[in-house]
C-alpha cells in the first residue's frame, strides 16, 4: 500500500428530534431519493436544506437586516470568525 493514509472524518452533526408534519408525497420523495443516494432520510433533508436555503439571497438579506443577526448567523453557520 503506497500513498498517504487518510482517516475517516466524523459527521459531528448535532441532531435533535423534530416534530414536523409533511405530506405523504414529500415523505415518498425523500424516502426514494434517500434510497437512490444511499443516505438516510434525515441526511437527505439536512443536506438539501443546508445546501439550498443558504443560496436564497433574499433570505440572507433578511437575516442581515435582523436586529440580532450575529446570533442568527452563528446558528445557521455563517458567522465570520473574528481575528
N, C-alpha and C. Protein backbone atom coordinates (compact mmCIF):
# COMPACT_ATOMS: atom_id res chain seq x y z
N UNK A 1 0.85 -1.16 0.00
CA UNK A 1 0.00 0.00 0.00
C UNK A 1 0.90 1.23 0.00
N UNK A 2 0.74 2.07 -0.97
CA UNK A 2 1.53 3.30 -1.01
C UNK A 2 0.62 4.50 -0.94
N UNK A 3 1.20 5.65 -0.64
CA UNK A 3 0.40 6.86 -0.56
C UNK A 3 0.11 7.24 0.87
N UNK A 4 -0.60 8.31 0.98
CA UNK A 4 -0.92 8.88 2.29
C UNK A 4 -2.15 8.21 2.89
N UNK A 5 -2.08 7.91 4.17
CA UNK A 5 -3.21 7.33 4.88
C UNK A 5 -4.22 8.43 5.18
N UNK A 6 -5.46 8.23 4.83
CA UNK A 6 -6.50 9.22 5.11
C UNK A 6 -7.51 8.63 6.08
N UNK A 7 -7.76 9.34 7.16
CA UNK A 7 -8.69 8.88 8.16
C UNK A 7 -10.11 9.31 7.81
N UNK A 8 -11.06 8.54 8.27
CA UNK A 8 -12.47 8.87 8.07
C UNK A 8 -12.83 9.99 9.03
N UNK A 9 -13.45 11.02 8.52
CA UNK A 9 -13.85 12.15 9.34
C UNK A 9 -15.23 11.88 9.96
N UNK A 10 -15.40 12.19 11.24
CA UNK A 10 -16.72 12.02 11.85
C UNK A 10 -17.71 13.04 11.30
N UNK A 11 -18.97 12.68 11.31
CA UNK A 11 -20.01 13.58 10.80
C UNK A 11 -20.21 14.78 11.72
N UNK A 12 -20.06 14.58 13.03
CA UNK A 12 -20.19 15.65 14.01
C UNK A 12 -21.44 16.50 13.81
N UNK A 13 -22.53 15.88 13.58
CA UNK A 13 -23.80 16.59 13.43
C UNK A 13 -24.49 16.59 14.78
N UNK A 14 -24.84 17.76 15.24
CA UNK A 14 -25.60 17.85 16.48
C UNK A 14 -27.07 17.76 16.08
N UNK A 15 -27.67 16.63 16.33
CA UNK A 15 -29.03 16.39 15.88
C UNK A 15 -30.02 16.47 17.03
N UNK A 16 -31.19 16.93 16.70
CA UNK A 16 -32.29 16.99 17.64
C UNK A 16 -33.52 16.43 16.96
N UNK A 17 -34.35 15.71 17.69
CA UNK A 17 -35.59 15.23 17.10
C UNK A 17 -36.51 16.40 16.76
N UNK A 18 -37.20 16.29 15.63
CA UNK A 18 -38.10 17.34 15.17
C UNK A 18 -39.48 16.75 14.97
N UNK A 19 -40.48 17.48 15.36
CA UNK A 19 -41.85 17.02 15.19
C UNK A 19 -42.53 17.86 14.10
N UNK A 20 -42.29 17.48 12.85
CA UNK A 20 -42.87 18.18 11.71
C UNK A 20 -43.94 17.31 11.09
N UNK A 21 -44.88 17.94 10.46
CA UNK A 21 -45.91 17.22 9.71
C UNK A 21 -45.70 17.57 8.24
N UNK A 22 -45.43 16.56 7.43
CA UNK A 22 -45.24 16.78 6.00
C UNK A 22 -46.16 15.84 5.23
N UNK A 23 -46.41 16.21 4.00
CA UNK A 23 -47.33 15.43 3.18
C UNK A 23 -46.75 14.06 2.84
N UNK A 24 -47.64 13.14 2.52
CA UNK A 24 -47.21 11.79 2.12
C UNK A 24 -46.35 11.86 0.86
N UNK A 25 -46.69 12.75 -0.05
CA UNK A 25 -45.92 12.88 -1.29
C UNK A 25 -44.48 13.29 -0.97
N UNK A 26 -44.32 14.28 -0.09
CA UNK A 26 -42.98 14.73 0.29
C UNK A 26 -42.21 13.61 0.97
N UNK A 27 -42.87 12.88 1.84
CA UNK A 27 -42.21 11.75 2.51
C UNK A 27 -41.75 10.71 1.49
N UNK A 28 -42.57 10.45 0.49
CA UNK A 28 -42.20 9.48 -0.53
C UNK A 28 -41.01 9.97 -1.35
N UNK A 29 -41.02 11.25 -1.70
CA UNK A 29 -39.89 11.81 -2.45
C UNK A 29 -38.61 11.66 -1.66
N UNK A 30 -38.64 12.03 -0.39
CA UNK A 30 -37.45 11.94 0.45
C UNK A 30 -37.02 10.49 0.62
N UNK A 31 -37.97 9.60 0.85
CA UNK A 31 -37.66 8.17 1.03
C UNK A 31 -36.96 7.60 -0.19
N UNK A 32 -37.52 7.84 -1.38
CA UNK A 32 -36.94 7.26 -2.59
C UNK A 32 -35.65 7.96 -3.00
N UNK A 33 -35.55 9.25 -2.73
CA UNK A 33 -34.31 9.96 -3.03
C UNK A 33 -33.19 9.44 -2.12
N UNK A 34 -33.52 9.19 -0.86
CA UNK A 34 -32.55 8.63 0.08
C UNK A 34 -32.10 7.25 -0.39
N UNK A 35 -33.02 6.45 -0.83
CA UNK A 35 -32.68 5.12 -1.34
C UNK A 35 -31.76 5.24 -2.55
N UNK A 36 -32.09 6.15 -3.45
CA UNK A 36 -31.29 6.39 -4.66
C UNK A 36 -29.87 6.82 -4.30
N UNK A 37 -29.73 7.73 -3.34
CA UNK A 37 -28.42 8.28 -2.96
C UNK A 37 -27.68 7.43 -1.94
N UNK A 38 -28.37 6.45 -1.37
CA UNK A 38 -27.82 5.59 -0.33
C UNK A 38 -27.44 6.38 0.92
N UNK A 39 -28.31 7.33 1.27
CA UNK A 39 -28.21 8.09 2.51
C UNK A 39 -29.48 7.84 3.31
N UNK A 40 -29.47 8.24 4.57
CA UNK A 40 -30.69 8.15 5.35
C UNK A 40 -31.61 9.31 4.96
N UNK A 41 -32.88 9.18 5.29
CA UNK A 41 -33.83 10.25 5.01
C UNK A 41 -33.43 11.52 5.75
N UNK A 42 -32.96 11.37 6.97
CA UNK A 42 -32.53 12.53 7.76
C UNK A 42 -31.37 13.25 7.09
N UNK A 43 -30.42 12.48 6.57
CA UNK A 43 -29.27 13.08 5.90
C UNK A 43 -29.69 13.83 4.64
N UNK A 44 -30.65 13.27 3.91
CA UNK A 44 -31.14 13.93 2.70
C UNK A 44 -31.75 15.28 3.04
N UNK A 45 -32.64 15.30 4.03
CA UNK A 45 -33.29 16.56 4.42
C UNK A 45 -32.25 17.56 4.91
N UNK A 46 -31.35 17.13 5.75
CA UNK A 46 -30.32 18.00 6.31
C UNK A 46 -29.45 18.60 5.21
N UNK A 47 -28.93 17.76 4.34
CA UNK A 47 -28.05 18.23 3.26
C UNK A 47 -28.79 19.14 2.29
N UNK A 48 -30.00 18.75 1.89
CA UNK A 48 -30.74 19.53 0.91
C UNK A 48 -31.04 20.93 1.44
N UNK A 49 -31.52 21.00 2.67
CA UNK A 49 -31.87 22.30 3.23
C UNK A 49 -30.64 23.18 3.41
N UNK A 50 -29.56 22.62 3.91
CA UNK A 50 -28.35 23.42 4.12
C UNK A 50 -27.76 23.90 2.81
N UNK A 51 -27.75 23.06 1.81
CA UNK A 51 -27.16 23.45 0.52
C UNK A 51 -28.01 24.44 -0.24
N UNK A 52 -29.32 24.38 -0.10
CA UNK A 52 -30.18 25.19 -0.95
C UNK A 52 -30.75 26.43 -0.29
N UNK A 53 -31.18 26.35 0.94
CA UNK A 53 -31.77 27.52 1.58
C UNK A 53 -30.76 28.64 1.78
N UNK A 54 -29.51 28.28 1.99
CA UNK A 54 -28.49 29.29 2.19
C UNK A 54 -28.03 29.95 0.89
N UNK A 55 -28.60 29.54 -0.23
CA UNK A 55 -28.34 30.19 -1.52
C UNK A 55 -29.41 31.24 -1.83
N UNK A 56 -30.44 31.33 -1.01
CA UNK A 56 -31.53 32.28 -1.22
C UNK A 56 -31.06 33.67 -0.80
N UNK A 57 -30.76 34.51 -1.77
CA UNK A 57 -30.22 35.84 -1.48
C UNK A 57 -31.18 36.69 -0.65
N UNK A 58 -32.47 36.57 -0.91
CA UNK A 58 -33.44 37.35 -0.15
C UNK A 58 -33.48 36.90 1.32
N UNK A 59 -33.35 35.61 1.56
CA UNK A 59 -33.29 35.11 2.93
C UNK A 59 -32.06 35.67 3.63
N UNK A 60 -30.91 35.64 2.96
CA UNK A 60 -29.68 36.14 3.57
C UNK A 60 -29.76 37.64 3.82
N UNK A 61 -30.40 38.39 2.93
CA UNK A 61 -30.61 39.82 3.16
C UNK A 61 -31.52 40.03 4.37
N UNK A 62 -32.54 39.21 4.50
CA UNK A 62 -33.45 39.31 5.64
C UNK A 62 -32.68 39.06 6.94
N UNK A 63 -31.83 38.04 6.94
CA UNK A 63 -31.03 37.74 8.13
C UNK A 63 -30.16 38.95 8.48
N UNK A 64 -29.52 39.54 7.47
CA UNK A 64 -28.64 40.70 7.71
C UNK A 64 -29.42 41.87 8.29
N UNK A 65 -30.70 41.98 7.96
CA UNK A 65 -31.50 43.11 8.43
C UNK A 65 -32.03 42.91 9.85
N UNK A 66 -31.92 41.72 10.38
CA UNK A 66 -32.45 41.43 11.71
C UNK A 66 -31.60 42.08 12.79
N UNK A 67 -32.25 42.43 13.87
CA UNK A 67 -31.58 43.10 14.97
C UNK A 67 -30.46 42.25 15.59
N UNK A 68 -30.73 40.99 15.82
CA UNK A 68 -29.75 40.08 16.42
C UNK A 68 -29.13 39.17 15.36
N UNK A 69 -28.71 39.76 14.26
CA UNK A 69 -28.26 38.93 13.14
C UNK A 69 -26.99 38.14 13.44
N UNK A 70 -26.14 38.60 14.35
CA UNK A 70 -24.94 37.83 14.68
C UNK A 70 -25.29 36.48 15.29
N UNK A 71 -26.32 36.48 16.14
CA UNK A 71 -26.79 35.23 16.75
C UNK A 71 -27.37 34.31 15.67
N UNK A 72 -28.15 34.89 14.76
CA UNK A 72 -28.75 34.10 13.68
C UNK A 72 -27.66 33.55 12.77
N UNK A 73 -26.72 34.40 12.38
CA UNK A 73 -25.63 33.95 11.50
C UNK A 73 -24.84 32.81 12.13
N UNK A 74 -24.60 32.90 13.43
CA UNK A 74 -23.88 31.83 14.13
C UNK A 74 -24.70 30.54 14.11
N UNK A 75 -26.01 30.66 14.35
CA UNK A 75 -26.88 29.48 14.39
C UNK A 75 -26.96 28.78 13.05
N UNK A 76 -26.90 29.54 11.94
CA UNK A 76 -27.00 28.91 10.63
C UNK A 76 -25.63 28.64 10.00
N UNK A 77 -24.57 28.88 10.79
CA UNK A 77 -23.23 28.54 10.35
C UNK A 77 -22.60 29.52 9.39
N UNK A 78 -23.03 30.77 9.42
CA UNK A 78 -22.48 31.78 8.53
C UNK A 78 -21.75 32.89 9.24
N UNK A 79 -21.49 32.74 10.53
CA UNK A 79 -20.79 33.79 11.25
C UNK A 79 -19.34 33.82 10.80
N UNK A 80 -18.79 35.01 10.75
CA UNK A 80 -17.40 35.16 10.38
C UNK A 80 -16.56 35.16 11.64
N UNK A 81 -15.48 34.45 11.59
CA UNK A 81 -14.60 34.36 12.76
C UNK A 81 -13.86 35.68 12.92
N UNK A 82 -13.93 36.23 14.12
CA UNK A 82 -13.21 37.47 14.39
C UNK A 82 -11.77 37.15 14.67
N UNK A 83 -10.88 37.99 14.17
CA UNK A 83 -9.44 37.75 14.37
C UNK A 83 -8.94 38.49 15.56
